Structures are given as C-alpha cells and as structure tokens.
Amino acid sequence: MTEHPHRNAAPLAVLVCEALPRSGENGPGSYNMTILRAIAALGYRLHLVVTGLNVAGTVVAPEVPCTVSYLHARQVGRWLLPLSVGAAARWVKNRLGLKGRKTATDKVAWIGRFLSEPELARIPTGLPAEPVAVLLVDTIFRADAVRAIPQARTKVLIAHDVFHLRCASFRANGFMPRPAIVPEQEAARARLFDAIIAINPHDATELAALAPAARVSTVLPVVANAGRVPGPQAGHERQPHRIFYLGSRAYHNVDGLRWFLEHVWPVVRANVPDAHLDVAGAVCGEFAGAGPGVTLHGRVDDLSSVTRYCSFAVNPVLMGSGIKIKMVDYFCVGLGCITTANGAAGFPEQPAPPFDVAEGKADFASAVVRTMQQPDHAALLRERTIAYTPHFSAEAAVARLRELLLSGGGVALAAAGSAPADALVQPSI
C-alpha cells in the first residue's frame, strides 16, 4: 500500500476504481480526478482501491494525497509486482509492446469488467483500520464492492455513463458491446447506492429512473482555467486551416477518427488543399499512417504546444453516451469545436456553446470547410469558451458534491470548502 501523510482526524473516503486516476490520460481518469479533488476539498482523507489488471511496473505517485491498495499487485520499493496470472500476463504483453491495433473489422467493444468473488474478498484486506465515512465506486462494474465494505456510512456510485444506453449506441453503429448491459441489470446495481453522481443532466434523469430511492446529482467534469481561457501566445498566430483532435484508444474514438479520415478529410483537403489536422493522444497508436495533411503527435504533456497554432477542433464521435470530456479539454485550451449530435449530447445549452453540430459525412465536411474559410466564425467559437467554461469549475463541483452528501442526513464534512480553489483544478493536458 502506497501512502502520503494525512490528518488522522479527517473522515475516510474510499474510492474503488479500475486504474489509478490520472488527469488527461483518458476520460474516466480525468473525471475520477474531478471527484477526488472535490471530496478532498470537503475535508476527507482518501484511500484508493485499484482493481484493474494493468498495474504492474513502476509505481506512479497519485495526483492527490492518499493511500492506495492494489488487488492485483504488491509494492516492493518503487515497483508494483503482479499478484495474479492476469496481471502478470498484462505486464508481459505491455513489456513486449503487444498492443494490437483495432481494425475496421474489430467489432467487439469491451466496455467493462465485473469484479469476481475472489477480488471482492481481497478488497477489505488493504483498507485502513478505521470507519469508512464515504464509499465511492467507479461505475456499475465495481458496484459489488459495496458488499465488501458493508460498514461504509454512505455509498456513492460515480456512474460515468448510463451503460445500457451506451450499449444501444454501440449496437446501432455495428459494434457488439461486451458485457452487453440491459436496463434491469444496471438498475439492480444502481439501487445498491445511497447516492449517484451523474456526469450530465440527461444521465441524471435516466439514473434517477433506474434507482428512485437514490439521491442523484450532476457533477460536470472540472478543467483548469475555467473562465480564464488563454488566447494565443505572442508570436504564435493561429492558422485558419489547421485543426486539432484529441483522443484515447477507446473504441468510439478510434471508430470516429477512422470515419473522419476516410470519409470527411479527403473532401476537406479537396476544398482546402493546405488543410492540416494535428492528432494527439493514445489514439495515434491505432493509426500506422494517417495520410496527407495529418500529423500524429501521440501523447502530449502540454496540449497548448500544439493547439496554439490551431483554429478549432473536431470531435467526429458516432457512438457512446455520457459527456465527451475531450471537448471540455478543447474549451480549456480556448478552441471551439465541430462535432456530431452524439458529441454535443449532455452539454449545457446556455450560454451559447462553443461548438457547432453537423451530422453525416457531407455535412461534417461542409462544416469543417466553412469554418476554415471563415476565420471570424472560428474566432467566435473560441471567444464563447470563456463564458462557457465556468460550468466546469472546481468550485461548482465542490458545491454539488457537498450538497449531495449533506442531503443524506448530515455526513460529516471536515473543514468543508477549506481547500483553495487553485488546489482543486486538474492541470491542463
């Protein structure tokens, strides 16, 4: 168990999650950091239970002060050694670089993994020997963790998504989600909790219907610089025909970017021959070569080093649910966006959003070309990010989480709201 110094007097909050949360690594990790920073600001001491298999290797320090236990690894010095066959196999695969690309014919989409009974039995062994004031569980796939920590005073589901709707969206686009979640299955797990955190208002409505007895609240993702979006740095002129895309290796990202490169980008280049697309994130590993006018940057620690030259961003996502955190990342660095109706789902409608919506290959290509050829419109979308990003402020997240916990009958909040605002935001990625 890795640890940081902490105040023993603070009530204990435990998060059961698939992987150690990291800002900017992927959407789920960034959102878990939103919740962790907010609950730390409310005065809780944190312990993380990491359930995933992909853990062996060098120890990575958490971004917030906390203790950490791993179901499938044991820390020895600066190393995490695998404790199970599955974790050892994943470590060997990673060491050998055996990360096969998702092909256009790879239509099975693994969206999660339920915990086994042996895993549930191991959860209590790594916990601090003290009462658990708040148990936070990362998605319905780890919902059975409530049976492993029955003494928790308040049990909170971080939903991330409405998974039966996500599965329906995947099937509508020709993918076979595994496991295939149905409403009754999701409702049974959601009803194990006293409270549920939804990532957008639409999900909150759906989750409230699934678990009528639970308190449900929307906590939008937090970004750095909310309301303080930077403009282009001196000496770095935005190029009207240069655009940006950010994505992880998730199925919906790979599928959406492939669709864009195959069906939209050739039309854009035919109309704007010097059009250029910068792609960042792990999604780059799924494309051996992206073709003319495309640069694959891979993982970028400072997005502004690329985005400062770009006029706007794109999110050609065709499936999925929840909220598309990459778009919040775009707004954070001052970029507007062209997206699909799926990409726009869940975002607040006021003030005027910094994105345009286009459906279908022809309309999406037309929207990109038009925005390239009309720099004033791209500038308008960028300007809108300033008034829009306060939706995603740390203060808003802390307020909603405080309200959710207090509404359950007075869960103790030690030094509630005492953390400075600058300590709550996750860094730009």
Protein backbone atom coordinates (compact mmCIF):
# COMPACT_ATOMS: atom_id res chain seq x y z
CA MET A 1 0.00 0.00 0.00
CA THR A 2 1.47 3.36 -1.03
CA GLU A 3 0.71 6.37 1.11
CA HIS A 4 1.06 10.07 1.70
CA PRO A 5 0.97 11.95 5.01
CA HIS A 6 -2.57 12.66 6.17
CA ARG A 7 -4.66 14.04 9.01
CA ASN A 8 -5.91 11.08 11.08
CA ALA A 9 -8.80 13.19 12.38
CA ALA A 10 -10.35 13.56 8.91
CA PRO A 11 -13.19 11.19 7.94
CA LEU A 12 -12.17 8.50 5.48
CA ALA A 13 -13.44 8.32 1.90
CA VAL A 14 -12.61 5.22 -0.16
CA LEU A 15 -12.69 5.10 -3.97
CA VAL A 16 -12.87 1.70 -5.67
CA CYS A 17 -11.64 2.20 -9.26
CA GLU A 18 -10.23 0.31 -12.23
CA ALA A 19 -6.99 2.28 -12.52
CA LEU A 20 -5.10 4.95 -10.62
CA PRO A 21 -6.86 8.15 -11.78
CA ARG A 22 -4.69 10.47 -13.90
CA SER A 23 -5.74 13.83 -15.29
CA GLY A 24 -5.73 13.88 -19.06
CA GLU A 25 -4.91 10.19 -19.58
CA ASN A 26 -8.47 9.33 -20.57
CA GLY A 27 -12.00 10.50 -19.89
CA PRO A 28 -12.77 8.19 -16.93
CA GLY A 29 -9.46 9.01 -15.24
CA SER A 30 -9.96 12.75 -15.65
CA TYR A 31 -13.50 12.54 -14.28
CA ASN A 32 -12.43 10.46 -11.28
CA MET A 33 -9.88 13.19 -10.54
CA THR A 34 -12.71 15.74 -10.59
CA ILE A 35 -14.48 13.77 -7.84
CA LEU A 36 -11.33 13.04 -5.82
CA ARG A 37 -10.23 16.67 -5.76
CA ALA A 38 -13.71 17.80 -4.77
CA ILE A 39 -14.06 15.32 -1.92
CA ALA A 40 -10.56 16.16 -0.67
CA ALA A 41 -11.62 19.82 -0.66
CA LEU A 42 -14.53 18.84 1.59
CA GLY A 43 -12.05 17.63 4.21
CA TYR A 44 -11.99 13.89 3.62
CA ARG A 45 -8.88 11.74 3.76
CA LEU A 46 -8.63 9.45 0.72
CA HIS A 47 -7.87 5.79 0.14
CA LEU A 48 -7.97 4.22 -3.34
CA VAL A 49 -8.60 0.55 -4.09
CA VAL A 50 -7.33 -0.17 -7.61
CA THR A 51 -8.98 -3.28 -9.06
CA GLY A 52 -7.52 -3.41 -12.58
CA LEU A 53 -5.07 -5.91 -14.05
CA ASN A 54 -2.91 -3.35 -15.87
CA VAL A 55 -0.97 -2.24 -12.79
CA ALA A 56 2.44 -3.94 -12.64
CA GLY A 57 5.52 -1.81 -13.29
CA THR A 58 6.99 1.33 -11.81
CA VAL A 59 4.99 2.93 -9.00
CA VAL A 60 3.17 6.05 -10.17
CA ALA A 61 2.52 8.67 -7.50
CA PRO A 62 -1.14 9.68 -7.08
CA GLU A 63 -2.06 13.25 -8.00
CA VAL A 64 -3.76 13.82 -4.65
CA PRO A 65 -2.59 12.89 -1.13
CA CYS A 66 -3.97 9.42 -0.41
CA THR A 67 -3.19 5.82 0.43
CA VAL A 68 -3.52 3.18 -2.29
CA SER A 69 -4.02 -0.59 -2.30
CA TYR A 70 -3.98 -2.83 -5.38
CA LEU A 71 -5.91 -6.08 -5.81
CA HIS A 72 -3.50 -7.43 -8.41
CA ALA A 73 -0.13 -6.01 -7.39
CA ARG A 74 2.13 -5.58 -4.37
CA GLN A 75 4.55 -2.70 -3.95
CA VAL A 76 8.21 -3.55 -3.43
CA GLY A 77 10.29 -0.40 -3.35
CA ARG A 78 9.49 1.58 -6.46
CA TRP A 79 7.95 -1.39 -8.23
CA LEU A 80 4.49 -2.91 -8.35
CA LEU A 81 4.83 -6.68 -8.74
CA PRO A 82 1.92 -8.69 -10.21
CA LEU A 83 -0.02 -10.87 -7.76
CA SER A 84 -2.23 -12.69 -10.26
CA VAL A 85 -1.82 -14.55 -13.53
CA GLY A 86 -3.93 -11.94 -15.29
CA ALA A 87 -1.79 -9.05 -14.03
CA ALA A 88 1.42 -10.90 -14.93
CA ALA A 89 0.12 -11.62 -18.44
CA ARG A 90 -0.83 -7.97 -18.92
CA TRP A 91 2.63 -6.87 -17.72
CA VAL A 92 4.39 -9.22 -20.18
CA LYS A 93 2.14 -8.03 -23.01
CA ASN A 94 2.95 -4.41 -22.23
CA ARG A 95 6.69 -5.09 -21.96
CA LEU A 96 6.68 -6.76 -25.37
CA GLY A 97 4.60 -4.00 -26.91
CA LEU A 98 1.84 -6.41 -27.92
CA LYS A 99 -0.91 -3.80 -28.27
CA GLY A 100 -2.66 -4.77 -31.47
CA ARG A 101 -4.40 -2.03 -33.41
CA LYS A 102 -8.17 -2.03 -33.56
CA THR A 103 -9.06 -2.76 -37.15
CA ALA A 104 -12.14 -1.62 -39.01
CA THR A 105 -13.48 -5.20 -38.75
CA ASP A 106 -12.87 -5.46 -34.99
CA LYS A 107 -16.48 -5.03 -33.90
CA VAL A 108 -16.37 -6.40 -30.34
CA ALA A 109 -16.19 -3.49 -27.87
CA TRP A 110 -15.21 -4.38 -24.30
CA ILE A 111 -16.77 -1.66 -22.14
CA GLY A 112 -16.04 -3.02 -18.66
CA ARG A 113 -15.36 -5.97 -16.37
CA PHE A 114 -17.32 -7.05 -13.31
CA LEU A 115 -15.37 -7.95 -10.17
CA SER A 116 -15.04 -11.63 -9.28
CA GLU A 117 -15.78 -13.05 -5.83
CA PRO A 118 -12.05 -13.58 -5.06
CA GLU A 119 -11.42 -9.93 -5.96
CA LEU A 120 -14.24 -8.77 -3.71
CA ALA A 121 -12.78 -10.84 -0.87
CA ARG A 122 -9.42 -9.07 -1.22
CA ILE A 123 -10.82 -5.52 -1.05
CA PRO A 124 -11.07 -5.28 2.78
CA THR A 125 -7.50 -6.54 3.32
CA GLY A 126 -5.94 -3.31 2.03
CA LEU A 127 -8.23 -0.83 3.79
CA PRO A 128 -7.13 1.40 6.68
CA ALA A 129 -8.34 0.02 10.01
CA GLU A 130 -10.94 2.71 10.64
CA PRO A 131 -14.55 3.53 9.72
CA VAL A 132 -15.36 4.39 6.11
CA ALA A 133 -17.46 7.55 6.03
CA VAL A 134 -17.98 7.60 2.26
CA LEU A 135 -17.53 4.76 -0.23
CA LEU A 136 -17.19 5.94 -3.83
CA VAL A 137 -17.47 3.28 -6.54
CA ASP A 138 -16.30 3.82 -10.11
CA THR A 139 -19.11 2.60 -12.45
CA ILE A 140 -21.59 -0.24 -12.08
CA PHE A 141 -18.83 -2.72 -12.99
CA ARG A 142 -17.41 -2.33 -9.48
CA ALA A 143 -20.80 -1.90 -7.75
CA ASP A 144 -20.49 -5.21 -5.89
CA ALA A 145 -17.72 -3.57 -3.84
CA VAL A 146 -20.49 -2.36 -1.52
CA ARG A 147 -20.73 -5.98 -0.31
CA ALA A 148 -17.04 -5.95 0.53
CA ILE A 149 -17.32 -2.73 2.58
CA PRO A 150 -20.79 -3.02 4.13
CA GLN A 151 -19.86 -0.77 7.05
CA ALA A 152 -19.50 2.31 4.82
CA ARG A 153 -21.79 5.03 6.11
CA THR A 154 -22.68 6.48 2.70
CA LYS A 155 -22.31 4.58 -0.57
CA VAL A 156 -21.94 6.68 -3.73
CA LEU A 157 -21.87 5.47 -7.34
CA ILE A 158 -19.77 7.52 -9.77
CA ALA A 159 -21.83 6.48 -12.76
CA HIS A 160 -19.71 7.91 -15.61
CA ASP A 161 -22.33 6.66 -18.04
CA VAL A 162 -25.73 5.03 -18.47
CA PHE A 163 -24.31 1.78 -19.77
CA HIS A 164 -27.40 0.20 -21.27
CA LEU A 165 -27.75 3.33 -23.43
CA ARG A 166 -24.07 3.15 -24.30
CA CYS A 167 -24.54 -0.46 -25.38
CA ALA A 168 -27.53 0.50 -27.53
CA SER A 169 -25.46 3.23 -29.19
CA PHE A 170 -22.65 0.79 -29.93
CA ARG A 171 -25.05 -1.77 -31.40
CA ALA A 172 -26.63 0.91 -33.60
CA ASN A 173 -23.18 1.51 -35.09
CA GLY A 174 -22.46 -2.16 -35.77
CA PHE A 175 -20.43 -2.94 -32.62
CA MET A 176 -21.04 -5.77 -30.16
CA PRO A 177 -20.60 -4.40 -26.62
CA ARG A 178 -19.22 -6.79 -24.01
CA PRO A 179 -20.62 -7.18 -21.48
CA ALA A 180 -23.98 -6.27 -23.00
CA ILE A 181 -25.77 -4.32 -20.27
CA VAL A 182 -29.58 -4.26 -20.11
CA PRO A 183 -31.67 -1.76 -18.08
CA GLU A 184 -32.70 -4.28 -15.41
CA GLN A 185 -29.09 -5.25 -14.79
CA GLU A 186 -27.99 -1.63 -14.48
CA ALA A 187 -30.92 -0.76 -12.21
CA ALA A 188 -30.10 -3.62 -9.84
CA ARG A 189 -26.58 -2.30 -9.32
CA ALA A 190 -27.55 1.37 -9.17
CA ARG A 191 -30.01 0.56 -6.38
CA LEU A 192 -27.17 -0.64 -4.14
CA PHE A 193 -26.22 3.01 -3.52
CA ASP A 194 -27.46 5.84 -1.34
CA ALA A 195 -26.38 8.47 -3.86
CA ILE A 196 -25.34 8.61 -7.52
CA ILE A 197 -23.07 11.11 -9.28
CA ALA A 198 -24.08 11.69 -12.92
CA ILE A 199 -21.78 13.28 -15.47
CA ASN A 200 -24.54 15.30 -17.16
CA PRO A 201 -28.21 16.23 -16.58
CA HIS A 202 -29.56 13.74 -19.13
CA ASP A 203 -27.77 10.87 -17.39
CA ALA A 204 -29.04 12.16 -14.04
CA THR A 205 -32.64 11.81 -15.26
CA GLU A 206 -32.03 8.28 -16.56
CA LEU A 207 -30.24 7.17 -13.38
CA ALA A 208 -32.95 8.61 -11.15
CA ALA A 209 -35.48 6.47 -13.02
CA LEU A 210 -33.30 3.37 -12.57
CA ALA A 211 -32.77 3.96 -8.82
CA PRO A 212 -35.69 6.05 -7.50
CA ALA A 213 -34.59 5.84 -3.85
CA ALA A 214 -31.09 7.17 -4.50
CA ARG A 215 -30.11 10.84 -4.36
CA VAL A 216 -28.81 11.82 -7.81
CA SER A 217 -26.74 14.88 -8.63
CA THR A 218 -24.91 16.12 -11.72
CA VAL A 219 -21.24 16.96 -11.29
CA LEU A 220 -19.73 18.18 -14.55
CA PRO A 221 -16.02 17.49 -15.26
CA VAL A 222 -13.54 20.05 -13.94
CA VAL A 223 -10.93 21.71 -16.13
CA ALA A 224 -8.10 24.08 -15.38
CA ASN A 225 -8.56 27.73 -16.35
CA ALA A 226 -12.37 27.57 -16.21
CA GLY A 227 -13.47 31.05 -17.19
CA ARG A 228 -9.85 32.06 -17.80
CA VAL A 229 -9.22 30.50 -21.21
CA PRO A 230 -5.86 31.60 -22.63
CA GLY A 231 -5.56 33.24 -26.01
CA PRO A 232 -2.76 32.55 -28.49
CA GLN A 233 0.67 33.38 -27.13
CA ALA A 234 2.65 36.21 -28.61
CA GLY A 235 4.40 35.18 -31.79
CA HIS A 236 2.10 32.20 -32.37
CA GLU A 237 -0.51 33.06 -34.97
CA ARG A 238 -3.45 30.70 -35.32
CA GLN A 239 -3.56 29.11 -38.76
CA PRO A 240 -7.13 29.14 -40.15
CA HIS A 241 -6.72 25.83 -41.97
CA ARG A 242 -5.12 23.96 -39.07
CA ILE A 243 -7.38 21.92 -36.75
CA PHE A 244 -7.00 19.59 -33.77
CA TYR A 245 -8.22 16.22 -32.49
CA LEU A 246 -7.52 14.57 -29.10
CA GLY A 247 -8.43 11.01 -28.17
CA SER A 248 -7.62 7.90 -26.19
CA ARG A 249 -7.63 4.35 -27.60
CA ALA A 250 -11.32 3.88 -26.68
CA TYR A 251 -13.45 2.22 -29.36
CA HIS A 252 -15.60 5.26 -30.03
CA ASN A 253 -12.50 7.43 -30.56
CA VAL A 254 -10.82 5.01 -32.95
CA ASP A 255 -14.05 4.47 -34.88
CA GLY A 256 -14.84 8.18 -35.05
CA LEU A 257 -11.37 9.25 -36.16
CA ARG A 258 -11.22 6.48 -38.76
CA TRP A 259 -14.60 7.62 -40.14
CA PHE A 260 -13.34 11.21 -40.27
CA LEU A 261 -10.07 10.32 -42.03
CA GLU A 262 -11.74 8.01 -44.55
CA HIS A 263 -14.90 9.95 -45.40
CA VAL A 264 -14.53 13.58 -44.31
CA TRP A 265 -10.86 14.53 -44.53
CA PRO A 266 -10.48 13.81 -48.29
CA VAL A 267 -13.40 16.18 -49.00
CA VAL A 268 -11.87 18.83 -46.74
CA ARG A 269 -8.49 18.55 -48.48
CA ALA A 270 -10.12 18.73 -51.91
CA ASN A 271 -11.65 22.08 -50.96
CA VAL A 272 -8.80 23.37 -48.76
CA PRO A 273 -5.57 21.84 -50.13
CA ASP A 274 -3.38 23.13 -47.28
CA ALA A 275 -5.73 21.86 -44.54
CA HIS A 276 -3.82 20.27 -41.67
CA LEU A 277 -5.01 18.04 -38.81
CA ASP A 278 -2.99 17.62 -35.60
CA VAL A 279 -3.89 14.45 -33.67
CA ALA A 280 -2.81 13.94 -30.05
CA GLY A 281 -3.34 11.19 -27.51
CA ALA A 282 -3.09 7.41 -27.38
CA VAL A 283 -5.46 7.11 -30.35
CA CYS A 284 -2.42 7.82 -32.55
CA GLY A 285 -1.18 4.31 -31.80
CA GLU A 286 -4.15 2.88 -33.69
CA PHE A 287 -3.12 4.50 -37.00
CA ALA A 288 0.08 3.43 -38.72
CA GLY A 289 -0.12 6.32 -41.16
CA ALA A 290 -2.88 8.88 -41.32
CA GLY A 291 -2.30 10.26 -44.81
CA PRO A 292 -1.67 13.71 -46.29
CA GLY A 293 -2.05 16.74 -44.09
CA VAL A 294 -2.18 14.78 -40.81
CA THR A 295 0.38 14.79 -38.00
CA LEU A 296 0.18 12.12 -35.29
CA HIS A 297 1.76 13.57 -32.14
CA GLY A 298 0.98 10.76 -29.69
CA ARG A 299 0.84 11.63 -26.01
CA VAL A 300 1.39 15.39 -25.49
CA ASP A 301 2.01 16.69 -21.96
CA ASP A 302 1.27 20.30 -22.88
CA LEU A 303 -1.58 20.47 -25.37
CA SER A 304 -1.09 24.20 -25.86
CA SER A 305 2.22 23.47 -27.58
CA VAL A 306 0.10 22.15 -30.47
CA THR A 307 -3.27 23.86 -30.06
CA ARG A 308 -1.84 27.40 -30.01
CA TYR A 309 -1.48 27.12 -33.80
CA CYS A 310 -4.93 25.59 -34.42
CA SER A 311 -8.10 27.44 -35.38
CA PHE A 312 -10.62 24.94 -33.98
CA ALA A 313 -11.02 21.27 -33.05
CA VAL A 314 -13.18 18.36 -34.21
CA ASN A 315 -14.93 15.53 -32.40
CA PRO A 316 -16.42 13.19 -35.04
CA VAL A 317 -17.78 10.71 -32.49
CA LEU A 318 -20.56 8.44 -33.76
CA MET A 319 -21.43 6.39 -30.67
CA GLY A 320 -21.28 6.32 -26.90
CA SER A 321 -23.01 8.25 -24.15
CA GLY A 322 -22.12 10.32 -21.10
CA ILE A 323 -20.24 13.54 -21.81
CA LYS A 324 -17.29 13.84 -24.17
CA ILE A 325 -14.50 15.11 -21.93
CA LYS A 326 -12.20 15.77 -24.88
CA MET A 327 -14.50 18.67 -25.78
CA VAL A 328 -14.06 20.13 -22.31
CA ASP A 329 -10.31 19.81 -22.91
CA TYR A 330 -10.73 21.73 -26.17
CA PHE A 331 -12.58 24.52 -24.40
CA CYS A 332 -9.91 24.59 -21.69
CA VAL A 333 -7.25 25.50 -24.26
CA GLY A 334 -9.54 28.02 -25.96
CA LEU A 335 -10.65 26.01 -29.00
CA GLY A 336 -14.18 25.77 -30.36
CA CYS A 337 -15.29 22.54 -31.96
CA ILE A 338 -17.22 20.91 -34.80
CA THR A 339 -18.94 17.77 -33.51
CA THR A 340 -21.83 15.39 -34.06
CA ALA A 341 -25.14 15.28 -32.21
CA ASN A 342 -23.67 12.43 -30.17
CA GLY A 343 -20.69 14.58 -29.25
CA ALA A 344 -22.91 17.50 -28.23
CA ALA A 345 -25.19 15.39 -26.03
CA GLY A 346 -25.17 16.29 -22.35
CA PHE A 347 -23.57 19.71 -22.65
CA PRO A 348 -25.33 22.77 -21.17
CA GLU A 349 -27.25 24.80 -23.74
CA GLN A 350 -26.57 28.19 -22.13
CA PRO A 351 -24.63 30.37 -22.58
CA ALA A 352 -24.09 29.86 -26.31
CA PRO A 353 -21.98 26.70 -26.64
CA PRO A 354 -18.56 26.93 -28.31
CA PHE A 355 -19.35 24.17 -30.79
CA ASP A 356 -21.31 23.56 -33.99
CA VAL A 357 -23.16 20.32 -34.70
CA ALA A 358 -23.01 18.53 -38.07
CA GLU A 359 -24.45 15.12 -38.95
CA GLY A 360 -23.32 12.82 -41.74
CA LYS A 361 -20.22 12.82 -43.92
CA ALA A 362 -21.23 15.61 -46.27
CA ASP A 363 -22.49 17.99 -43.58
CA PHE A 364 -19.48 17.40 -41.35
CA ALA A 365 -17.07 18.06 -44.22
CA SER A 366 -19.01 21.21 -45.18
CA ALA A 367 -18.91 22.50 -41.60
CA VAL A 368 -15.16 21.98 -41.37
CA VAL A 369 -14.50 23.63 -44.73
CA ARG A 370 -16.81 26.54 -43.95
CA THR A 371 -15.17 27.20 -40.58
CA MET A 372 -11.72 27.03 -42.15
CA GLN A 373 -12.76 29.53 -44.79
CA GLN A 374 -14.49 31.84 -42.30
CA PRO A 375 -11.88 32.70 -39.64
CA ASP A 376 -14.30 35.08 -37.95
CA HIS A 377 -16.63 32.18 -37.13
CA ALA A 378 -13.78 30.10 -35.73
CA ALA A 379 -12.81 33.12 -33.61
CA LEU A 380 -16.42 33.42 -32.36
CA LEU A 381 -16.39 29.78 -31.21
CA ARG A 382 -13.09 30.39 -29.40
CA GLU A 383 -14.50 33.52 -27.74
CA ARG A 384 -17.51 31.56 -26.47
CA THR A 385 -15.25 29.22 -24.49
CA ILE A 386 -14.58 32.00 -21.95
CA ALA A 387 -18.21 32.33 -20.83
CA TYR A 388 -18.88 28.59 -21.18
CA THR A 389 -16.08 27.00 -19.15
CA PRO A 390 -17.28 28.15 -15.69
CA HIS A 391 -19.74 25.23 -15.97
CA PHE A 392 -16.65 23.07 -15.44
CA SER A 393 -15.10 24.91 -12.49
CA ALA A 394 -13.77 23.26 -9.34
CA GLU A 395 -16.00 25.44 -7.18
CA ALA A 396 -19.10 24.16 -8.97
CA ALA A 397 -18.03 20.52 -8.49
CA VAL A 398 -17.33 21.00 -4.77
CA ALA A 399 -20.69 22.72 -4.23
CA ARG A 400 -22.65 19.93 -5.95
CA LEU A 401 -20.79 17.18 -4.09
CA ARG A 402 -21.24 18.95 -0.73
CA GLU A 403 -24.97 19.27 -1.40
CA LEU A 404 -25.25 15.60 -2.38
CA LEU A 405 -23.50 14.34 0.76
CA LEU A 406 -25.26 16.66 3.19
CA SER A 407 -28.69 15.84 1.75
CA GLY A 408 -28.33 12.30 3.06
CA GLY A 409 -28.70 13.26 6.69
CA GLY A 410 -25.55 15.04 7.73
CA VAL A 411 -22.44 13.10 6.68
CA ALA A 412 -19.56 14.83 8.47
CA LEU A 413 -17.63 17.24 6.31
CA ALA A 414 -14.33 18.10 7.98
CA ALA A 415 -13.11 21.59 7.06
CA ALA A 416 -15.62 21.69 4.22
CA GLY A 417 -14.61 24.03 1.45
CA SER A 418 -11.28 24.83 3.11
CA ALA A 419 -9.05 23.95 0.17
CA PRO A 420 -8.00 26.85 -2.05
CA ALA A 421 -9.62 26.85 -5.47
CA ASP A 422 -6.27 26.57 -7.25
CA ALA A 423 -5.67 23.25 -5.49
CA LEU A 424 -8.87 21.73 -6.85
CA VAL A 425 -8.42 22.02 -10.59
CA GLN A 426 -6.69 19.35 -12.60
CA PRO A 427 -3.81 20.51 -14.78
CA SER A 428 -4.21 21.14 -18.48
CA ILE A 429 -3.26 18.16 -20.62
